Amino acid sequence: AGLGALFTVNTVTGLWNLWESRDNDQGRGKRLLHSGLMLASDAGFAYTGLVLAGDAKRDIKSRDDHRNYAYYSMGAALAGYAVMLVGDH
């Protein structure tokens, strides 16, 4: 529950910042790519925890799916973070 709350607060503040920067043309593509990757990561983590976690306790195949979706979500989050490190500041 605590992790879910943290992700929710982070997502809401990120979307709020994206909305506030809507009139700033500089770096818009990077911000949109970053936002898309982070939202995909959030969705992946939510799916992993809410849908796949229950079956992962009982089934090896489901456990593999659970782990792989978590890895994909971590990769999307890392890529979203890295996007903002590249280029002009």
PDB file of N, CA and C in Angstrom:
ATOM      1  N   ALA A   1       0.832  -1.198   0.000  1.00  0.00           N
ATOM      2  CA  ALA A   1       0.000   0.000   0.000  1.00  0.00           C
ATOM      3  C   ALA A   1       0.871   1.254   0.000  1.00  0.00           C
ATOM      4  N   GLY A   2       1.939   1.214   0.792  1.00  0.00           N
ATOM      5  CA  GLY A   2       2.844   2.366   0.856  1.00  0.00           C
ATOM      6  C   GLY A   2       3.527   2.628  -0.472  1.00  0.00           C
ATOM      7  N   LEU A   3       3.958   1.554  -1.129  1.00  0.00           N
ATOM      8  CA  LEU A   3       4.602   1.693  -2.435  1.00  0.00           C
ATOM      9  C   LEU A   3       3.608   2.203  -3.477  1.00  0.00           C
ATOM     10  N   GLY A   4       2.381   1.713  -3.405  1.00  0.00           N
ATOM     11  CA  GLY A   4       1.337   2.195  -4.312  1.00  0.00           C
ATOM     12  C   GLY A   4       1.067   3.678  -4.109  1.00  0.00           C
ATOM     13  N   ALA A   5       1.039   4.109  -2.854  1.00  0.00           N
ATOM     14  CA  ALA A   5       0.818   5.527  -2.555  1.00  0.00           C
ATOM     15  C   ALA A   5       1.969   6.379  -3.086  1.00  0.00           C
ATOM     16  N   LEU A   6       3.190   5.884  -2.931  1.00  0.00           N
ATOM     17  CA  LEU A   6       4.352   6.611  -3.431  1.00  0.00           C
ATOM     18  C   LEU A   6       4.290   6.760  -4.950  1.00  0.00           C
ATOM     19  N   PHE A   7       3.961   5.673  -5.655  1.00  0.00           N
ATOM     20  CA  PHE A   7       3.839   5.742  -7.105  1.00  0.00           C
ATOM     21  C   PHE A   7       2.720   6.693  -7.517  1.00  0.00           C
ATOM     22  N   THR A   8       1.625   6.690  -6.796  1.00  0.00           N
ATOM     23  CA  THR A   8       0.507   7.572  -7.115  1.00  0.00           C
ATOM     24  C   THR A   8       0.903   9.032  -6.961  1.00  0.00           C
ATOM     25  N   VAL A   9       1.539   9.363  -5.850  1.00  0.00           N
ATOM     26  CA  VAL A   9       1.970  10.745  -5.619  1.00  0.00           C
ATOM     27  C   VAL A   9       2.977  11.162  -6.682  1.00  0.00           C
ATOM     28  N   ASN A  10       3.922  10.288  -6.997  1.00  0.00           N
ATOM     29  CA  ASN A  10       4.929  10.603  -8.013  1.00  0.00           C
ATOM     30  C   ASN A  10       4.291  10.806  -9.383  1.00  0.00           C
ATOM     31  N   THR A  11       3.327   9.983  -9.729  1.00  0.00           N
ATOM     32  CA  THR A  11       2.654  10.105 -11.020  1.00  0.00           C
ATOM     33  C   THR A  11       1.835  11.387 -11.088  1.00  0.00           C
ATOM     34  N   VAL A  12       1.113  11.687 -10.040  1.00  0.00           N
ATOM     35  CA  VAL A  12       0.292  12.906 -10.027  1.00  0.00           C
ATOM     36  C   VAL A  12       1.176  14.144 -10.128  1.00  0.00           C
ATOM     37  N   THR A  13       2.263  14.200  -9.370  1.00  0.00           N
ATOM     38  CA  THR A  13       3.133  15.378  -9.442  1.00  0.00           C
ATOM     39  C   THR A  13       3.829  15.464 -10.804  1.00  0.00           C
ATOM     40  N   GLY A  14       4.192  14.318 -11.379  1.00  0.00           N
ATOM     41  CA  GLY A  14       4.807  14.324 -12.702  1.00  0.00           C
ATOM     42  C   GLY A  14       3.858  14.840 -13.766  1.00  0.00           C
ATOM     43  N   LEU A  15       2.616  14.365 -13.736  1.00  0.00           N
ATOM     44  CA  LEU A  15       1.625  14.856 -14.698  1.00  0.00           C
ATOM     45  C   LEU A  15       1.316  16.332 -14.479  1.00  0.00           C
ATOM     46  N   TRP A  16       1.310  16.762 -13.240  1.00  0.00           N
ATOM     47  CA  TRP A  16       1.074  18.164 -12.924  1.00  0.00           C
ATOM     48  C   TRP A  16       2.211  19.024 -13.498  1.00  0.00           C
ATOM     49  N   ASN A  17       3.451  18.577 -13.307  1.00  0.00           N
ATOM     50  CA  ASN A  17       4.594  19.301 -13.861  1.00  0.00           C
ATOM     51  C   ASN A  17       4.543  19.336 -15.384  1.00  0.00           C
ATOM     52  N   LEU A  18       4.143  18.220 -16.000  1.00  0.00           N
ATOM     53  CA  LEU A  18       4.020  18.179 -17.454  1.00  0.00           C
ATOM     54  C   LEU A  18       2.973  19.188 -17.919  1.00  0.00           C
ATOM     55  N   TRP A  19       1.862  19.245 -17.230  1.00  0.00           N
ATOM     56  CA  TRP A  19       0.803  20.188 -17.583  1.00  0.00           C
ATOM     57  C   TRP A  19       1.282  21.633 -17.418  1.00  0.00           C
ATOM     58  N   GLU A  20       1.997  21.903 -16.342  1.00  0.00           N
ATOM     59  CA  GLU A  20       2.492  23.264 -16.091  1.00  0.00           C
ATOM     60  C   GLU A  20       3.516  23.699 -17.138  1.00  0.00           C
ATOM     61  N   SER A  21       4.215  22.750 -17.745  1.00  0.00           N
ATOM     62  CA  SER A  21       5.242  23.088 -18.730  1.00  0.00           C
ATOM     63  C   SER A  21       4.705  23.062 -20.162  1.00  0.00           C
ATOM     64  N   ARG A  22       3.409  22.994 -20.337  1.00  0.00           N
ATOM     65  CA  ARG A  22       2.817  22.827 -21.670  1.00  0.00           C
ATOM     66  C   ARG A  22       3.110  23.991 -22.605  1.00  0.00           C
ATOM     67  N   ASP A  23       3.376  25.183 -22.087  1.00  0.00           N
ATOM     68  CA  ASP A  23       3.655  26.343 -22.931  1.00  0.00           C
ATOM     69  C   ASP A  23       5.137  26.496 -23.269  1.00  0.00           C
ATOM     70  N   ASN A  24       5.985  25.676 -22.681  1.00  0.00           N
ATOM     71  CA  ASN A  24       7.423  25.738 -22.909  1.00  0.00           C
ATOM     72  C   ASN A  24       7.796  24.781 -24.037  1.00  0.00           C
ATOM     73  N   ASP A  25       8.186  25.353 -25.178  1.00  0.00           N
ATOM     74  CA  ASP A  25       8.529  24.523 -26.338  1.00  0.00           C
ATOM     75  C   ASP A  25       9.894  23.856 -26.206  1.00  0.00           C
ATOM     76  N   GLN A  26      10.785  24.445 -25.452  1.00  0.00           N
ATOM     77  CA  GLN A  26      12.136  23.905 -25.325  1.00  0.00           C
ATOM     78  C   GLN A  26      12.114  22.582 -24.553  1.00  0.00           C
ATOM     79  N   GLY A  27      12.613  21.531 -25.180  1.00  0.00           N
ATOM     80  CA  GLY A  27      12.690  20.226 -24.530  1.00  0.00           C
ATOM     81  C   GLY A  27      11.374  19.477 -24.443  1.00  0.00           C
ATOM     82  N   ARG A  28      10.380  19.906 -25.211  1.00  0.00           N
ATOM     83  CA  ARG A  28       9.057  19.286 -25.132  1.00  0.00           C
ATOM     84  C   ARG A  28       9.095  17.799 -25.502  1.00  0.00           C
ATOM     85  N   GLY A  29       9.831  17.456 -26.539  1.00  0.00           N
ATOM     86  CA  GLY A  29       9.920  16.058 -26.965  1.00  0.00           C
ATOM     87  C   GLY A  29      10.503  15.169 -25.882  1.00  0.00           C
ATOM     88  N   LYS A  30      11.553  15.658 -25.230  1.00  0.00           N
ATOM     89  CA  LYS A  30      12.156  14.892 -24.135  1.00  0.00           C
ATOM     90  C   LYS A  30      11.171  14.718 -22.989  1.00  0.00           C
ATOM     91  N   ARG A  31      10.466  15.773 -22.643  1.00  0.00           N
ATOM     92  CA  ARG A  31       9.504  15.687 -21.537  1.00  0.00           C
ATOM     93  C   ARG A  31       8.390  14.704 -21.854  1.00  0.00           C
ATOM     94  N   LEU A  32       7.902  14.735 -23.102  1.00  0.00           N
ATOM     95  CA  LEU A  32       6.825  13.819 -23.482  1.00  0.00           C
ATOM     96  C   LEU A  32       7.314  12.369 -23.508  1.00  0.00           C
ATOM     97  N   LEU A  33       8.516  12.140 -24.037  1.00  0.00           N
ATOM     98  CA  LEU A  33       9.073  10.795 -24.044  1.00  0.00           C
ATOM     99  C   LEU A  33       9.290  10.293 -22.615  1.00  0.00           C
ATOM    100  N   HIS A  34       9.854  11.142 -21.770  1.00  0.00           N
ATOM    101  CA  HIS A  34      10.064  10.808 -20.361  1.00  0.00           C
ATOM    102  C   HIS A  34       8.733  10.464 -19.692  1.00  0.00           C
ATOM    103  N   SER A  35       7.734  11.297 -19.913  1.00  0.00           N
ATOM    104  CA  SER A  35       6.427  11.069 -19.295  1.00  0.00           C
ATOM    105  C   SER A  35       5.801   9.772 -19.771  1.00  0.00           C
ATOM    106  N   GLY A  36       5.883   9.514 -21.069  1.00  0.00           N
ATOM    107  CA  GLY A  36       5.325   8.276 -21.610  1.00  0.00           C
ATOM    108  C   GLY A  36       5.996   7.040 -21.039  1.00  0.00           C
ATOM    109  N   LEU A  37       7.326   7.072 -20.958  1.00  0.00           N
ATOM    110  CA  LEU A  37       8.049   5.927 -20.402  1.00  0.00           C
ATOM    111  C   LEU A  37       7.737   5.729 -18.921  1.00  0.00           C
ATOM    112  N   MET A  38       7.640   6.814 -18.180  1.00  0.00           N
ATOM    113  CA  MET A  38       7.341   6.692 -16.750  1.00  0.00           C
ATOM    114  C   MET A  38       5.909   6.209 -16.519  1.00  0.00           C
ATOM    115  N   LEU A  39       4.970   6.660 -17.346  1.00  0.00           N
ATOM    116  CA  LEU A  39       3.595   6.172 -17.222  1.00  0.00           C
ATOM    117  C   LEU A  39       3.502   4.693 -17.599  1.00  0.00           C
ATOM    118  N   ALA A  40       4.245   4.292 -18.624  1.00  0.00           N
ATOM    119  CA  ALA A  40       4.282   2.874 -18.993  1.00  0.00           C
ATOM    120  C   ALA A  40       4.877   2.051 -17.853  1.00  0.00           C
ATOM    121  N   SER A  41       5.900   2.580 -17.228  1.00  0.00           N
ATOM    122  CA  SER A  41       6.508   1.902 -16.085  1.00  0.00           C
ATOM    123  C   SER A  41       5.516   1.777 -14.931  1.00  0.00           C
ATOM    124  N   ASP A  42       4.815   2.844 -14.623  1.00  0.00           N
ATOM    125  CA  ASP A  42       3.798   2.803 -13.563  1.00  0.00           C
ATOM    126  C   ASP A  42       2.728   1.762 -13.860  1.00  0.00           C
ATOM    127  N   ALA A  43       2.261   1.753 -15.110  1.00  0.00           N
ATOM    128  CA  ALA A  43       1.230   0.786 -15.498  1.00  0.00           C
ATOM    129  C   ALA A  43       1.757  -0.635 -15.378  1.00  0.00           C
ATOM    130  N   GLY A  44       2.997  -0.853 -15.786  1.00  0.00           N
ATOM    131  CA  GLY A  44       3.595  -2.177 -15.682  1.00  0.00           C
ATOM    132  C   GLY A  44       3.740  -2.641 -14.247  1.00  0.00           C
ATOM    133  N   PHE A  45       4.179  -1.738 -13.384  1.00  0.00           N
ATOM    134  CA  PHE A  45       4.304  -2.100 -11.970  1.00  0.00           C
ATOM    135  C   PHE A  45       2.938  -2.382 -11.346  1.00  0.00           C
ATOM    136  N   ALA A  46       1.943  -1.583 -11.717  1.00  0.00           N
ATOM    137  CA  ALA A  46       0.595  -1.814 -11.189  1.00  0.00           C
ATOM    138  C   ALA A  46       0.073  -3.173 -11.645  1.00  0.00           C
ATOM    139  N   TYR A  47       0.241  -3.488 -12.912  1.00  0.00           N
ATOM    140  CA  TYR A  47      -0.199  -4.782 -13.445  1.00  0.00           C
ATOM    141  C   TYR A  47       0.542  -5.920 -12.755  1.00  0.00           C
ATOM    142  N   THR A  48       1.835  -5.747 -12.578  1.00  0.00           N
ATOM    143  CA  THR A  48       2.644  -6.777 -11.923  1.00  0.00           C
ATOM    144  C   THR A  48       2.153  -7.037 -10.510  1.00  0.00           C
ATOM    145  N   GLY A  49       1.906  -5.974  -9.774  1.00  0.00           N
ATOM    146  CA  GLY A  49       1.512  -6.132  -8.374  1.00  0.00           C
ATOM    147  C   GLY A  49       0.067  -6.523  -8.169  1.00  0.00           C
ATOM    148  N   LEU A  50      -0.818  -5.964  -8.965  1.00  0.00           N
ATOM    149  CA  LEU A  50      -2.245  -6.200  -8.743  1.00  0.00           C
ATOM    150  C   LEU A  50      -2.776  -7.446  -9.442  1.00  0.00           C
ATOM    151  N   VAL A  51      -2.246  -7.767 -10.612  1.00  0.00           N
ATOM    152  CA  VAL A  51      -2.788  -8.876 -11.399  1.00  0.00           C
ATOM    153  C   VAL A  51      -1.930 -10.127 -11.300  1.00  0.00           C
ATOM    154  N   LEU A  52      -0.626  -9.964 -11.441  1.00  0.00           N
ATOM    155  CA  LEU A  52       0.246 -11.132 -11.538  1.00  0.00           C
ATOM    156  C   LEU A  52       0.735 -11.664 -10.191  1.00  0.00           C
ATOM    157  N   ALA A  53       0.716 -10.864  -9.166  1.00  0.00           N
ATOM    158  CA  ALA A  53       1.305 -11.283  -7.890  1.00  0.00           C
ATOM    159  C   ALA A  53       0.571 -12.460  -7.255  1.00  0.00           C
ATOM    160  N   GLY A  54      -0.739 -12.485  -7.333  1.00  0.00           N
ATOM    161  CA  GLY A  54      -1.503 -13.557  -6.698  1.00  0.00           C
ATOM    162  C   GLY A  54      -1.187 -14.922  -7.279  1.00  0.00           C
ATOM    163  N   ASP A  55      -1.161 -15.022  -8.597  1.00  0.00           N
ATOM    164  CA  ASP A  55      -0.865 -16.298  -9.246  1.00  0.00           C
ATOM    165  C   ASP A  55       0.591 -16.701  -9.080  1.00  0.00           C
ATOM    166  N   ALA A  56       1.474 -15.721  -8.919  1.00  0.00           N
ATOM    167  CA  ALA A  56       2.909 -16.020  -8.803  1.00  0.00           C
ATOM    168  C   ALA A  56       3.219 -16.825  -7.543  1.00  0.00           C
ATOM    169  N   LYS A  57       2.351 -16.779  -6.574  1.00  0.00           N
ATOM    170  CA  LYS A  57       2.563 -17.542  -5.344  1.00  0.00           C
ATOM    171  C   LYS A  57       2.350 -19.031  -5.552  1.00  0.00           C
ATOM    172  N   ARG A  58       1.596 -19.398  -6.601  1.00  0.00           N
ATOM    173  CA  ARG A  58       1.215 -20.795  -6.779  1.00  0.00           C
ATOM    174  C   ARG A  58       1.777 -21.466  -8.033  1.00  0.00           C
ATOM    175  N   ASP A  59       2.199 -20.679  -9.023  1.00  0.00           N
ATOM    176  CA  ASP A  59       2.523 -21.254 -10.324  1.00  0.00           C
ATOM    177  C   ASP A  59       3.874 -20.730 -10.818  1.00  0.00           C
ATOM    178  N   ILE A  60       4.732 -21.636 -11.287  1.00  0.00           N
ATOM    179  CA  ILE A  60       6.066 -21.263 -11.766  1.00  0.00           C
ATOM    180  C   ILE A  60       5.979 -20.343 -12.984  1.00  0.00           C
ATOM    181  N   LYS A  61       5.121 -20.664 -13.944  1.00  0.00           N
ATOM    182  CA  LYS A  61       4.972 -19.827 -15.149  1.00  0.00           C
ATOM    183  C   LYS A  61       4.521 -18.422 -14.764  1.00  0.00           C
ATOM    184  N   SER A  62       3.584 -18.323 -13.854  1.00  0.00           N
ATOM    185  CA  SER A  62       3.109 -17.015 -13.401  1.00  0.00           C
ATOM    186  C   SER A  62       4.209 -16.258 -12.660  1.00  0.00           C
ATOM    187  N   ARG A  63       5.034 -16.987 -11.936  1.00  0.00           N
ATOM    188  CA  ARG A  63       6.153 -16.366 -11.227  1.00  0.00           C
ATOM    189  C   ARG A  63       7.134 -15.759 -12.235  1.00  0.00           C
ATOM    190  N   ASP A  64       7.391 -16.486 -13.324  1.00  0.00           N
ATOM    191  CA  ASP A  64       8.269 -15.964 -14.374  1.00  0.00           C
ATOM    192  C   ASP A  64       7.668 -14.729 -15.025  1.00  0.00           C
ATOM    193  N   ASP A  65       6.363 -14.768 -15.304  1.00  0.00           N
ATOM    194  CA  ASP A  65       5.682 -13.603 -15.882  1.00  0.00           C
ATOM    195  C   ASP A  65       5.763 -12.403 -14.948  1.00  0.00           C
ATOM    196  N   HIS A  66       5.523 -12.653 -13.675  1.00  0.00           N
ATOM    197  CA  HIS A  66       5.580 -11.595 -12.663  1.00  0.00           C
ATOM    198  C   HIS A  66       6.963 -10.938 -12.657  1.00  0.00           C
ATOM    199  N   ARG A  67       8.007 -11.754 -12.632  1.00  0.00           N
ATOM    200  CA  ARG A  67       9.380 -11.244 -12.618  1.00  0.00           C
ATOM    201  C   ARG A  67       9.690 -10.480 -13.906  1.00  0.00           C
ATOM    202  N   ASN A  68       9.304 -11.046 -15.058  1.00  0.00           N
ATOM    203  CA  ASN A  68       9.616 -10.406 -16.333  1.00  0.00           C
ATOM    204  C   ASN A  68       8.905  -9.068 -16.486  1.00  0.00           C
ATOM    205  N   TYR A  69       7.640  -8.983 -16.097  1.00  0.00           N
ATOM    206  CA  TYR A  69       6.935  -7.705 -16.174  1.00  0.00           C
ATOM    207  C   TYR A  69       7.571  -6.678 -15.237  1.00  0.00           C
ATOM    208  N   ALA A  70       8.024  -7.112 -14.088  1.00  0.00           N
ATOM    209  CA  ALA A  70       8.713  -6.198 -13.183  1.00  0.00           C
ATOM    210  C   ALA A  70      10.009  -5.695 -13.826  1.00  0.00           C
ATOM    211  N   TYR A  71      10.752  -6.590 -14.485  1.00  0.00           N
ATOM    212  CA  TYR A  71      11.978  -6.174 -15.167  1.00  0.00           C
ATOM    213  C   TYR A  71      11.682  -5.197 -16.310  1.00  0.00           C
ATOM    214  N   TYR A  72      10.647  -5.481 -17.107  1.00  0.00           N
ATOM    215  CA  TYR A  72      10.277  -4.564 -18.182  1.00  0.00           C
ATOM    216  C   TYR A  72       9.920  -3.185 -17.626  1.00  0.00           C
ATOM    217  N   SER A  73       9.207  -3.187 -16.523  1.00  0.00           N
ATOM    218  CA  SER A  73       8.812  -1.918 -15.909  1.00  0.00           C
ATOM    219  C   SER A  73      10.017  -1.166 -15.373  1.00  0.00           C
ATOM    220  N   MET A  74      10.963  -1.892 -14.786  1.00  0.00           N
ATOM    221  CA  MET A  74      12.195  -1.247 -14.315  1.00  0.00           C
ATOM    222  C   MET A  74      12.982  -0.673 -15.493  1.00  0.00           C
ATOM    223  N   GLY A  75      13.020  -1.408 -16.599  1.00  0.00           N
ATOM    224  CA  GLY A  75      13.716  -0.921 -17.785  1.00  0.00           C
ATOM    225  C   GLY A  75      13.083   0.339 -18.339  1.00  0.00           C
ATOM    226  N   ALA A  76      11.763   0.381 -18.371  1.00  0.00           N
ATOM    227  CA  ALA A  76      11.065   1.580 -18.851  1.00  0.00           C
ATOM    228  C   ALA A  76      11.344   2.765 -17.930  1.00  0.00           C
ATOM    229  N   ALA A  77      11.357   2.529 -16.623  1.00  0.00           N
ATOM    230  CA  ALA A  77      11.642   3.607 -15.674  1.00  0.00           C
ATOM    231  C   ALA A  77      13.074   4.109 -15.840  1.00  0.00           C
ATOM    232  N   LEU A  78      14.016   3.197 -16.008  1.00  0.00           N
ATOM    233  CA  LEU A  78      15.414   3.591 -16.195  1.00  0.00           C
ATOM    234  C   LEU A  78      15.586   4.367 -17.498  1.00  0.00           C
ATOM    235  N   ALA A  79      14.944   3.908 -18.564  1.00  0.00           N
ATOM    236  CA  ALA A  79      15.019   4.622 -19.845  1.00  0.00           C
ATOM    237  C   ALA A  79      14.399   6.015 -19.713  1.00  0.00           C
ATOM    238  N   GLY A  80      13.273   6.124 -19.009  1.00  0.00           N
ATOM    239  CA  GLY A  80      12.638   7.420 -18.806  1.00  0.00           C
ATOM    240  C   GLY A  80      13.520   8.374 -18.020  1.00  0.00           C
ATOM    241  N   TYR A  81      14.218   7.846 -17.043  1.00  0.00           N
ATOM    242  CA  TYR A  81      15.167   8.656 -16.267  1.00  0.00           C
ATOM    243  C   TYR A  81      16.329   9.083 -17.149  1.00  0.00           C
ATOM    244  N   ALA A  82      16.880   8.144 -17.920  1.00  0.00           N
ATOM    245  CA  ALA A  82      18.044   8.421 -18.745  1.00  0.00           C
ATOM    246  C   ALA A  82      17.760   9.460 -19.827  1.00  0.00           C
ATOM    247  N   VAL A  83      16.535   9.471 -20.350  1.00  0.00           N
ATOM    248  CA  VAL A  83      16.162  10.442 -21.385  1.00  0.00           C
ATOM    249  C   VAL A  83      16.427  11.869 -20.895  1.00  0.00           C
ATOM    250  N   MET A  84      16.131  12.116 -19.651  1.00  0.00           N
ATOM    251  CA  MET A  84      16.274  13.466 -19.122  1.00  0.00           C
ATOM    252  C   MET A  84      17.730  13.832 -18.833  1.00  0.00           C
ATOM    253  N   LEU A  85      18.632  12.853 -18.808  1.00  0.00           N
ATOM    254  CA  LEU A  85      20.046  13.134 -18.563  1.00  0.00           C
ATOM    255  C   LEU A  85      20.792  13.516 -19.835  1.00  0.00           C
ATOM    256  N   VAL A  86      20.243  13.158 -20.988  1.00  0.00           N
ATOM    257  CA  VAL A  86      20.913  13.346 -22.266  1.00  0.00           C
ATOM    258  C   VAL A  86      20.536  14.703 -22.851  1.00  0.00           C
ATOM    259  N   GLY A  87      21.510  15.361 -23.449  1.00  0.00           N
ATOM    260  CA  GLY A  87      21.224  16.604 -24.164  1.00  0.00           C
ATOM    261  C   GLY A  87      21.485  17.848 -23.340  1.00  0.00           C
ATOM    262  N   ASP A  88      21.004  18.964 -23.865  1.00  0.00           N
ATOM    263  CA  ASP A  88      21.221  20.256 -23.207  1.00  0.00           C
ATOM    264  C   ASP A  88      20.379  20.376 -21.954  1.00  0.00           C
ATOM    265  N   HIS A  89      20.917  21.088 -21.006  1.00  0.00           N
ATOM    266  CA  HIS A  89      20.231  21.234 -19.704  1.00  0.00           C
ATOM    267  C   HIS A  89      19.758  22.644 -19.551  1.00  0.00           C
TER     268      HIS A  89
END
